[in-house]
Amino acid sequence: MPLRARLVNGAHHGIISAVAGIIAYVPTRALGLNEGFWSAVTAIGVVQAELHATQTTARDQLLGAAIGGLAALAFCVYVVQTFRSAVQLASRSAPHPSKSAIADLRVRT
């Protein structure tokens, strides 16, 4: 490939990467999100020199994020349900103080 064609293709890819990074970064600033630069890094990483490579990478990242999000949601639901069950079990098995025991504590303090 001649030098001129390589320079034009490189400049074109650089402009596309820069625009993708800006488009990804600006909303994070508007929303006040911390570490919004990661969206720009991801956008630049997704933008490839070939359209097919870009589509494949974007699809894989979207699928990975969706699977990770669902796994995290399932884990959180499991932890909350386990915690609730443990609290209910502990409250049922714990002895309840009688009124006289509570009265004795009030007198002593």
Foldseek 3Di string as FASTA:
>chain_A
DDPVVVVVLVVVLVVQLVVQLCVQQVVCVVVVHPPSSVSSVVSSVLRDSDPVSSVVSVVVVVVVVVVVVVVVVVVVVVVVVVVVVVVVVCVVPDDDDDPVVVVVVVVVD
